């Protein structure tokens, strides 16, 4: 029952953390610095899942970035 409620309320976070743990498990055998990299992957996976759960959109504001790049570097002036 607990797992169903967890899955229903925090689906994105669970997927993000599981993916990060899976990917970081590969790196855990290679040393301390790679373990810190695994922690970074875990944090990124959790944060991306949290944004998905809260429907806050993307972590990167793609539209604003595209508009800024278009005004900054117009290929045909």
N, C-alpha and C. Protein backbone atom coordinates (compact mmCIF):
# COMPACT_ATOMS: atom_id res chain seq x y z
N UNK A 1 0.82 -1.18 0.00
CA UNK A 1 0.00 0.00 0.00
C UNK A 1 0.87 1.25 0.00
N UNK A 2 1.93 1.26 0.80
CA UNK A 2 2.83 2.41 0.87
C UNK A 2 3.46 2.69 -0.48
N UNK A 3 3.88 1.64 -1.19
CA UNK A 3 4.56 1.83 -2.46
C UNK A 3 3.61 2.37 -3.52
N UNK A 4 2.35 1.96 -3.49
CA UNK A 4 1.37 2.47 -4.46
C UNK A 4 1.13 3.95 -4.23
N UNK A 5 0.99 4.36 -2.97
CA UNK A 5 0.79 5.77 -2.66
C UNK A 5 2.02 6.60 -3.04
N UNK A 6 3.19 6.04 -2.78
CA UNK A 6 4.43 6.73 -3.14
C UNK A 6 4.51 6.89 -4.65
N UNK A 7 4.18 5.83 -5.40
CA UNK A 7 4.24 5.88 -6.86
C UNK A 7 3.23 6.89 -7.40
N UNK A 8 2.02 6.92 -6.83
CA UNK A 8 0.98 7.82 -7.33
C UNK A 8 1.31 9.29 -7.05
N UNK A 9 1.91 9.57 -5.92
CA UNK A 9 2.15 10.97 -5.56
C UNK A 9 3.51 11.49 -6.03
N UNK A 10 4.51 10.63 -6.19
CA UNK A 10 5.85 11.08 -6.53
C UNK A 10 6.46 10.24 -7.66
N UNK A 11 5.70 10.03 -8.72
CA UNK A 11 6.13 9.17 -9.81
C UNK A 11 7.42 9.67 -10.47
N UNK A 12 7.49 10.94 -10.75
CA UNK A 12 8.67 11.49 -11.41
C UNK A 12 9.91 11.40 -10.54
N UNK A 13 9.77 11.67 -9.25
CA UNK A 13 10.90 11.59 -8.34
C UNK A 13 11.41 10.16 -8.23
N UNK A 14 10.48 9.21 -8.16
CA UNK A 14 10.87 7.80 -8.05
C UNK A 14 11.62 7.37 -9.30
N UNK A 15 11.11 7.74 -10.47
CA UNK A 15 11.77 7.38 -11.72
C UNK A 15 13.14 8.04 -11.79
N UNK A 16 13.24 9.30 -11.41
CA UNK A 16 14.52 10.01 -11.44
C UNK A 16 15.55 9.40 -10.52
N UNK A 17 15.14 9.06 -9.31
CA UNK A 17 16.07 8.48 -8.36
C UNK A 17 16.49 7.08 -8.78
N UNK A 18 15.55 6.28 -9.27
CA UNK A 18 15.89 4.92 -9.70
C UNK A 18 16.84 4.97 -10.89
N UNK A 19 16.59 5.86 -11.82
CA UNK A 19 17.50 5.99 -12.97
C UNK A 19 18.88 6.44 -12.53
N UNK A 20 18.93 7.39 -11.59
CA UNK A 20 20.22 7.87 -11.11
C UNK A 20 20.96 6.79 -10.34
N UNK A 21 20.26 6.02 -9.53
CA UNK A 21 20.91 4.95 -8.79
C UNK A 21 21.43 3.89 -9.75
N UNK A 22 20.64 3.57 -10.76
CA UNK A 22 21.08 2.59 -11.75
C UNK A 22 22.33 3.06 -12.48
N UNK A 23 22.30 4.30 -12.96
CA UNK A 23 23.46 4.83 -13.68
C UNK A 23 24.67 5.03 -12.78
N UNK A 24 24.42 5.47 -11.56
CA UNK A 24 25.55 5.70 -10.66
C UNK A 24 26.10 4.40 -10.10
N UNK A 25 25.31 3.34 -10.08
CA UNK A 25 25.82 2.05 -9.63
C UNK A 25 26.97 1.56 -10.49
N UNK A 26 26.95 1.95 -11.74
CA UNK A 26 28.04 1.61 -12.65
C UNK A 26 29.34 2.26 -12.19
N UNK A 27 29.24 3.48 -11.69
CA UNK A 27 30.43 4.25 -11.33
C UNK A 27 30.95 3.97 -9.92
N UNK A 28 30.15 3.35 -9.09
CA UNK A 28 30.54 3.15 -7.69
C UNK A 28 31.78 2.29 -7.53
N UNK A 29 32.10 1.49 -8.51
CA UNK A 29 33.24 0.59 -8.41
C UNK A 29 34.56 1.25 -8.78
N UNK A 30 34.53 2.52 -9.18
CA UNK A 30 35.73 3.14 -9.73
C UNK A 30 36.41 4.13 -8.79
N UNK A 31 35.94 4.38 -7.59
CA UNK A 31 36.66 5.22 -6.66
C UNK A 31 35.83 6.35 -6.06
N UNK A 32 36.51 7.13 -5.21
CA UNK A 32 35.86 8.19 -4.42
C UNK A 32 35.30 9.29 -5.30
N UNK A 33 36.08 9.82 -6.23
CA UNK A 33 35.64 10.95 -7.05
C UNK A 33 34.47 10.55 -7.93
N UNK A 34 34.49 9.34 -8.40
CA UNK A 34 33.35 8.88 -9.19
C UNK A 34 32.12 8.69 -8.31
N UNK A 35 32.32 8.36 -7.04
CA UNK A 35 31.20 8.26 -6.12
C UNK A 35 30.56 9.63 -5.93
N UNK A 36 31.38 10.67 -5.87
CA UNK A 36 30.82 12.02 -5.77
C UNK A 36 30.04 12.38 -7.03
N UNK A 37 30.53 11.92 -8.16
CA UNK A 37 29.79 12.12 -9.41
C UNK A 37 28.45 11.41 -9.35
N UNK A 38 28.41 10.24 -8.72
CA UNK A 38 27.16 9.50 -8.56
C UNK A 38 26.17 10.28 -7.70
N UNK A 39 26.68 10.92 -6.67
CA UNK A 39 25.81 11.75 -5.83
C UNK A 39 25.23 12.90 -6.64
N UNK A 40 26.04 13.46 -7.52
CA UNK A 40 25.55 14.53 -8.39
C UNK A 40 24.46 14.01 -9.32
N UNK A 41 24.66 12.82 -9.90
CA UNK A 41 23.63 12.22 -10.75
C UNK A 41 22.33 11.98 -9.97
N UNK A 42 22.46 11.53 -8.74
CA UNK A 42 21.29 11.30 -7.90
C UNK A 42 20.54 12.60 -7.65
N UNK A 43 21.27 13.65 -7.34
CA UNK A 43 20.65 14.96 -7.10
C UNK A 43 19.94 15.47 -8.36
N UNK A 44 20.59 15.33 -9.52
CA UNK A 44 19.99 15.79 -10.76
C UNK A 44 18.73 14.98 -11.08
N UNK A 45 18.79 13.66 -10.88
CA UNK A 45 17.61 12.83 -11.13
C UNK A 45 16.46 13.17 -10.21
N UNK A 46 16.75 13.41 -8.95
CA UNK A 46 15.70 13.77 -8.00
C UNK A 46 15.09 15.12 -8.36
N UNK A 47 15.94 16.08 -8.70
CA UNK A 47 15.45 17.42 -9.02
C UNK A 47 14.60 17.41 -10.29
N UNK A 48 15.04 16.68 -11.31
CA UNK A 48 14.25 16.58 -12.54
C UNK A 48 12.91 15.91 -12.26
N UNK A 49 12.90 14.87 -11.45
CA UNK A 49 11.65 14.22 -11.10
C UNK A 49 10.73 15.11 -10.29
N UNK A 50 11.31 15.92 -9.41
CA UNK A 50 10.52 16.85 -8.61
C UNK A 50 9.84 17.87 -9.50
N UNK A 51 10.56 18.40 -10.49
CA UNK A 51 9.96 19.34 -11.42
C UNK A 51 8.82 18.69 -12.20
N UNK A 52 8.99 17.42 -12.57
CA UNK A 52 7.94 16.72 -13.30
C UNK A 52 6.72 16.52 -12.40
N UNK A 53 6.94 16.16 -11.14
CA UNK A 53 5.82 15.95 -10.21
C UNK A 53 5.04 17.23 -9.98
N UNK A 54 5.74 18.34 -9.86
CA UNK A 54 5.09 19.61 -9.54
C UNK A 54 4.61 20.35 -10.78
N UNK A 55 4.81 19.77 -11.97
CA UNK A 55 4.40 20.38 -13.24
C UNK A 55 4.94 21.79 -13.39
N UNK A 56 6.21 21.97 -13.04
CA UNK A 56 6.84 23.28 -13.14
C UNK A 56 7.53 23.48 -14.48
N UNK A 57 7.39 22.55 -15.37
CA UNK A 57 8.03 22.68 -16.66
C UNK A 57 9.44 22.14 -16.63
N UNK A 58 10.25 22.66 -17.53
CA UNK A 58 11.61 22.17 -17.68
C UNK A 58 12.55 22.88 -16.72
N UNK A 59 13.67 22.22 -16.41
CA UNK A 59 14.69 22.85 -15.58
C UNK A 59 15.37 24.00 -16.33
N UNK A 60 15.47 23.87 -17.64
CA UNK A 60 16.12 24.87 -18.47
C UNK A 60 15.03 25.65 -19.21
N UNK A 61 15.02 26.96 -19.07
CA UNK A 61 13.99 27.75 -19.78
C UNK A 61 14.32 27.85 -21.26
N UNK A 62 13.92 26.84 -22.03
CA UNK A 62 14.32 26.73 -23.43
C UNK A 62 13.85 27.91 -24.27
N UNK A 63 12.62 28.38 -24.05
CA UNK A 63 12.10 29.48 -24.85
C UNK A 63 12.90 30.75 -24.61
N UNK A 64 13.16 31.09 -23.36
CA UNK A 64 13.94 32.29 -23.06
C UNK A 64 15.37 32.17 -23.59
N UNK A 65 15.94 30.98 -23.48
CA UNK A 65 17.29 30.75 -23.99
C UNK A 65 17.33 30.91 -25.51
N UNK A 66 16.33 30.35 -26.20
CA UNK A 66 16.27 30.49 -27.65
C UNK A 66 16.10 31.95 -28.06
N UNK A 67 15.20 32.67 -27.37
CA UNK A 67 15.01 34.08 -27.69
C UNK A 67 16.28 34.89 -27.45
N UNK A 68 16.97 34.61 -26.37
CA UNK A 68 18.21 35.32 -26.07
C UNK A 68 19.27 35.04 -27.13
N UNK A 69 19.39 33.76 -27.52
CA UNK A 69 20.37 33.41 -28.54
C UNK A 69 20.02 34.03 -29.89
N UNK A 70 18.73 34.10 -30.22
CA UNK A 70 18.32 34.72 -31.49
C UNK A 70 18.64 36.21 -31.53
N UNK A 71 18.49 36.88 -30.41
CA UNK A 71 18.82 38.31 -30.40
C UNK A 71 20.32 38.53 -30.31
N UNK A 72 21.01 37.61 -29.69
CA UNK A 72 22.46 37.76 -29.50
C UNK A 72 23.25 37.38 -30.75
N UNK A 73 22.91 36.25 -31.35
CA UNK A 73 23.67 35.74 -32.50
C UNK A 73 22.74 35.50 -33.67
N UNK A 74 22.37 36.56 -34.33
CA UNK A 74 21.55 36.40 -35.53
C UNK A 74 22.47 36.07 -36.69
N UNK A 75 22.24 34.93 -37.36
CA UNK A 75 23.17 34.52 -38.41
C UNK A 75 23.14 35.43 -39.64
N UNK A 76 21.97 35.99 -39.97
CA UNK A 76 21.86 36.84 -41.17
C UNK A 76 21.37 38.22 -40.75
N UNK A 77 22.32 39.09 -40.46
CA UNK A 77 21.94 40.43 -39.99
C UNK A 77 21.60 41.34 -41.14
